Amino acid sequence: MSPDRVVIIGASTTGLFAAAAVAASDRSVVILERDELPSDAAPRPGVPQGRQPHVFLHRGVLAAEELLPGFRRDLLDGPHLGGLRDRDIGRDGRHRCGSHG
């Protein structure tokens, strides 16, 4: 038997994807977040890595699209911090780490 209500702790990307997956099963979802969520794209105090660049790899985008149709388009069209680019890192260049690049 699955619960009627599920509590997700944290409104990170992972928490929001988990909430979307649970909501798809017609269960009620409550998300607990200690930070006040900004009205626009901005780093939050409780997310120390929030100012660092992040990447959605291809399979991650496909999985997100399956869960939330239109996800990729929303990312490309929506307001975001620092600019969002649609890139194929396998084609457009290699990931560089440290002084090995």
Protein backbone atom coordinates (compact mmCIF):
# COMPACT_ATOMS: atom_id res chain seq x y z
CA MET A 1 0.00 0.00 0.00
CA SER A 2 1.42 3.39 -0.91
CA PRO A 3 0.76 6.51 1.16
CA ASP A 4 -1.70 9.16 0.00
CA ARG A 5 0.75 11.93 0.86
CA VAL A 6 4.52 11.96 0.37
CA VAL A 7 6.91 14.47 1.95
CA ILE A 8 10.00 15.48 -0.04
CA ILE A 9 12.75 17.19 1.94
CA GLY A 10 14.50 19.82 -0.18
CA ALA A 11 13.45 21.77 -3.26
CA SER A 12 16.64 20.99 -5.15
CA THR A 13 16.44 19.76 -8.72
CA THR A 14 16.44 16.22 -7.36
CA GLY A 15 13.68 17.02 -4.87
CA LEU A 16 11.55 18.63 -7.57
CA PHE A 17 12.02 15.67 -9.94
CA ALA A 18 11.09 13.30 -7.09
CA ALA A 19 7.98 15.39 -6.40
CA ALA A 20 7.00 15.31 -10.07
CA ALA A 21 7.41 11.52 -10.17
CA VAL A 22 5.27 11.07 -7.04
CA ALA A 23 2.62 13.52 -8.28
CA ALA A 24 2.34 11.50 -11.52
CA SER A 25 1.01 8.62 -9.39
CA ASP A 26 -1.89 10.81 -8.16
CA ARG A 27 -0.48 11.15 -4.65
CA SER A 28 -0.31 14.40 -2.74
CA VAL A 29 3.19 15.88 -2.40
CA VAL A 30 4.54 18.23 0.25
CA ILE A 31 8.00 19.75 -0.30
CA LEU A 32 9.85 21.02 2.76
CA GLU A 33 12.55 23.60 2.03
CA ARG A 34 14.50 25.63 4.57
CA ASP A 35 15.35 28.47 2.17
CA GLU A 36 12.80 30.97 0.96
CA LEU A 37 12.53 30.26 -2.77
CA PRO A 38 13.37 33.26 -4.95
CA SER A 39 10.88 34.46 -7.57
CA ASP A 40 13.56 34.31 -10.27
CA ALA A 41 16.61 32.16 -10.96
CA ALA A 42 19.10 32.92 -8.19
CA PRO A 43 21.42 30.97 -5.90
CA ARG A 44 20.01 30.13 -2.47
CA PRO A 45 21.86 30.25 0.87
CA GLY A 46 21.27 26.54 1.55
CA VAL A 47 22.82 25.48 -1.76
CA PRO A 48 26.54 26.29 -1.55
CA GLN A 49 27.24 24.84 -5.00
CA GLY A 50 24.44 26.92 -6.55
CA ARG A 51 26.80 29.51 -8.05
CA GLN A 52 28.85 26.87 -9.87
CA PRO A 53 28.09 25.96 -13.48
CA HIS A 54 25.92 22.87 -13.85
CA VAL A 55 25.32 20.54 -16.79
CA PHE A 56 22.43 18.32 -17.76
CA LEU A 57 23.84 15.44 -19.76
CA HIS A 58 21.82 14.11 -22.68
CA ARG A 59 20.30 11.12 -20.87
CA GLY A 60 19.33 13.37 -17.98
CA VAL A 61 17.49 15.73 -20.32
CA LEU A 62 15.70 12.77 -21.93
CA ALA A 63 14.65 11.45 -18.50
CA ALA A 64 13.49 14.92 -17.43
CA GLU A 65 11.50 15.30 -20.66
CA GLU A 66 9.81 11.96 -20.04
CA LEU A 67 8.80 13.06 -16.55
CA LEU A 68 8.07 16.71 -17.40
CA PRO A 69 7.25 17.18 -21.10
CA GLY A 70 8.58 20.54 -22.30
CA PHE A 71 11.36 20.64 -19.67
CA ARG A 72 14.18 21.28 -22.18
CA ARG A 73 12.26 24.00 -23.99
CA ASP A 74 11.36 25.65 -20.68
CA LEU A 75 15.04 25.72 -19.71
CA LEU A 76 16.05 27.25 -23.02
CA ASP A 77 13.20 29.80 -23.10
CA GLY A 78 12.93 30.70 -19.41
CA PRO A 79 14.81 33.25 -17.34
CA HIS A 80 18.03 31.88 -15.93
CA LEU A 81 21.19 33.02 -14.22
CA GLY A 82 24.28 33.44 -16.40
CA GLY A 83 22.85 32.14 -19.67
CA LEU A 84 21.83 28.65 -20.68
CA ARG A 85 23.34 26.96 -23.69
CA ASP A 86 22.25 23.87 -25.54
CA ARG A 87 25.48 22.01 -26.24
CA ASP A 88 26.63 18.58 -27.23
CA ILE A 89 29.80 18.31 -25.15
CA GLY A 90 30.78 15.16 -27.04
CA ARG A 91 30.71 17.11 -30.29
CA ASP A 92 31.46 20.69 -29.21
CA GLY A 93 34.50 20.04 -27.07
CA ARG A 94 35.81 18.01 -24.24
CA HIS A 95 35.41 18.61 -20.55
CA ARG A 96 38.55 20.19 -19.15
CA CYS A 97 39.69 19.61 -15.63
CA GLY A 98 42.62 21.32 -13.93
CA SER A 99 45.71 21.86 -16.10
CA HIS A 100 45.14 18.84 -18.33
CA GLY A 101 43.18 20.72 -20.92
